[in-house]
Protein backbone atom coordinates (compact mmCIF):
# COMPACT_ATOMS: atom_id res chain seq x y z
CA MET A 1 25.23 -23.50 6.06
CA LEU A 2 25.98 -19.79 6.82
CA ALA A 3 28.52 -17.46 5.33
CA GLY A 4 30.65 -15.44 7.74
CA ALA A 5 32.86 -12.48 7.94
CA ALA A 6 35.93 -11.42 10.05
CA PHE A 7 35.11 -11.06 13.71
CA ALA A 8 37.49 -10.09 16.59
CA ASP A 9 38.08 -13.07 18.70
CA THR A 10 38.02 -12.34 22.55
CA GLY A 11 38.81 -15.88 23.71
CA ARG A 12 38.19 -19.46 22.40
CA LEU A 13 35.72 -21.54 24.42
CA ASN A 14 37.21 -24.57 25.86
CA ALA A 15 35.02 -27.88 26.67
CA ASP A 16 33.88 -26.63 30.10
CA GLU A 17 32.94 -23.31 28.75
CA ILE A 18 30.97 -24.96 25.87
CA ARG A 19 29.20 -27.10 28.47
CA ARG A 20 28.41 -24.12 30.54
CA ASP A 21 27.68 -21.59 27.76
CA ILE A 22 26.07 -23.61 24.99
CA VAL A 23 24.65 -26.87 26.60
CA GLY A 24 21.10 -26.62 27.55
CA ARG A 25 20.53 -23.38 25.57
CA THR A 26 19.18 -22.28 22.13
CA ILE A 27 21.80 -20.94 19.68
CA TYR A 28 20.60 -18.58 17.17
CA LEU A 29 22.68 -18.55 14.14
CA ALA A 30 22.72 -15.35 12.18
CA ALA A 31 21.20 -16.12 8.63
CA PRO A 32 22.67 -14.19 5.60
CA ILE A 33 19.21 -13.94 4.28
CA GLY A 34 18.16 -12.04 7.42
CA GLY A 35 16.65 -13.46 10.77
CA GLU A 36 18.18 -16.11 13.04
CA PHE A 37 18.15 -19.96 12.83
CA PRO A 38 17.69 -21.70 16.05
CA LEU A 39 19.59 -24.72 17.37
CA ASN A 40 18.66 -26.22 20.57
CA TYR A 41 21.69 -28.07 22.21
CA ARG A 42 19.77 -30.17 24.91
CA THR A 43 21.30 -31.65 28.00
CA ASN A 44 20.54 -35.17 26.87
CA GLY A 45 22.87 -34.96 23.82
CA VAL A 46 20.23 -34.18 21.27
CA VAL A 47 20.45 -31.08 19.07
CA ASP A 48 17.44 -30.00 16.95
CA GLY A 49 16.58 -27.06 14.82
CA ASP A 50 13.77 -25.37 13.16
CA GLY A 51 14.14 -23.21 10.13
CA GLU A 52 10.40 -22.88 9.36
CA ALA A 53 10.43 -19.22 10.30
CA LEU A 54 13.12 -18.51 7.72
CA GLY A 55 11.21 -20.17 5.00
CA LEU A 56 13.80 -22.99 4.72
CA GLY A 57 11.18 -25.52 3.75
CA LYS A 58 11.52 -24.40 0.16
CA PHE A 59 15.13 -25.60 0.05
CA ILE A 60 15.71 -28.30 2.73
CA ALA A 61 13.70 -30.21 5.37
CA PRO A 62 12.79 -27.34 7.68
CA LYS A 63 13.17 -29.24 10.90
CA ASP A 64 15.74 -31.86 11.90
CA LYS A 65 17.44 -33.29 14.87
CA GLY A 66 20.50 -35.41 15.79
CA LYS A 67 23.23 -35.56 18.37
CA TRP A 68 25.86 -33.21 19.69
CA TRP A 69 29.23 -34.12 21.61
CA ILE A 70 32.29 -32.32 22.65
CA ASP A 71 35.68 -33.34 21.01
CA GLY A 72 38.61 -31.78 22.59
CA ASN A 73 37.51 -28.11 22.68
CA ARG A 74 35.26 -28.40 19.72
CA LEU A 75 31.44 -28.62 19.65
CA CYS A 76 30.27 -31.46 17.12
CA GLN A 77 26.99 -32.23 15.73
CA GLN A 78 25.44 -34.87 13.34
CA PHE A 79 21.86 -34.26 12.24
CA ASN A 80 19.64 -37.12 10.81
CA VAL A 81 18.94 -35.41 7.45
CA TRP A 82 20.76 -32.06 7.19
CA TYR A 83 24.17 -32.23 5.60
CA ASP A 84 23.50 -35.87 4.63
CA GLY A 85 23.85 -36.91 8.07
CA ALA A 86 27.64 -35.99 7.98
CA PRO A 87 29.25 -35.11 11.37
CA MET A 88 30.66 -31.64 11.80
CA CYS A 89 32.66 -29.92 14.46
CA PHE A 90 33.00 -26.08 15.35
CA GLU A 91 35.54 -23.93 17.28
CA LEU A 92 33.59 -21.32 19.16
CA SER A 93 35.22 -18.02 20.37
CA ARG A 94 33.53 -15.15 22.18
CA THR A 95 33.05 -12.16 20.29
CA GLU A 96 30.93 -9.95 22.70
CA PRO A 97 28.76 -10.76 25.67
CA GLY A 98 26.21 -13.30 24.55
CA LYS A 99 27.66 -13.94 21.17
CA VAL A 100 30.12 -16.32 19.66
CA LYS A 101 31.90 -16.69 16.35
CA TRP A 102 31.89 -20.31 15.00
CA VAL A 103 34.48 -21.82 12.65
CA ARG A 104 33.40 -25.17 11.10
CA ASP A 105 36.01 -27.84 10.42
CA ASN A 106 35.72 -27.03 6.67
CA GLY A 107 36.60 -23.50 7.30
CA GLN A 108 32.94 -21.76 6.98
CA THR A 109 32.54 -19.13 9.52
CA GLY A 110 29.64 -17.22 11.13
CA VAL A 111 28.26 -15.55 14.21
CA ALA A 112 25.56 -16.75 16.81
CA ARG A 113 23.59 -15.53 19.59
CA ILE A 114 23.48 -17.40 22.83
CA GLY A 115 19.95 -17.55 24.08
CA ASN A 116 18.29 -19.22 26.96
């Protein structure tokens, strides 16, 4: 979904760190068009997102939800509509306090801010 650049990794998150730092929080993906795209990783295994503030309704369904899980040391998710419902997994690495670099299983990369 989002294009990335080169980031300095300061440590790949393991499964326990993903649970501690990501689950139960809103993660804000940096959007290449400016702004941030929020994804909520709820403690009940549901992930939801809302791109209305970025005007994504012109291109895709602006809101969707699905499920998330941890596979090894990767955060995985599958939305109901977005990405045609295909599952995807991400490796997460710290870049600086409160931020992570993500690398999707297809090689796409980006950065995200960890919210509350």
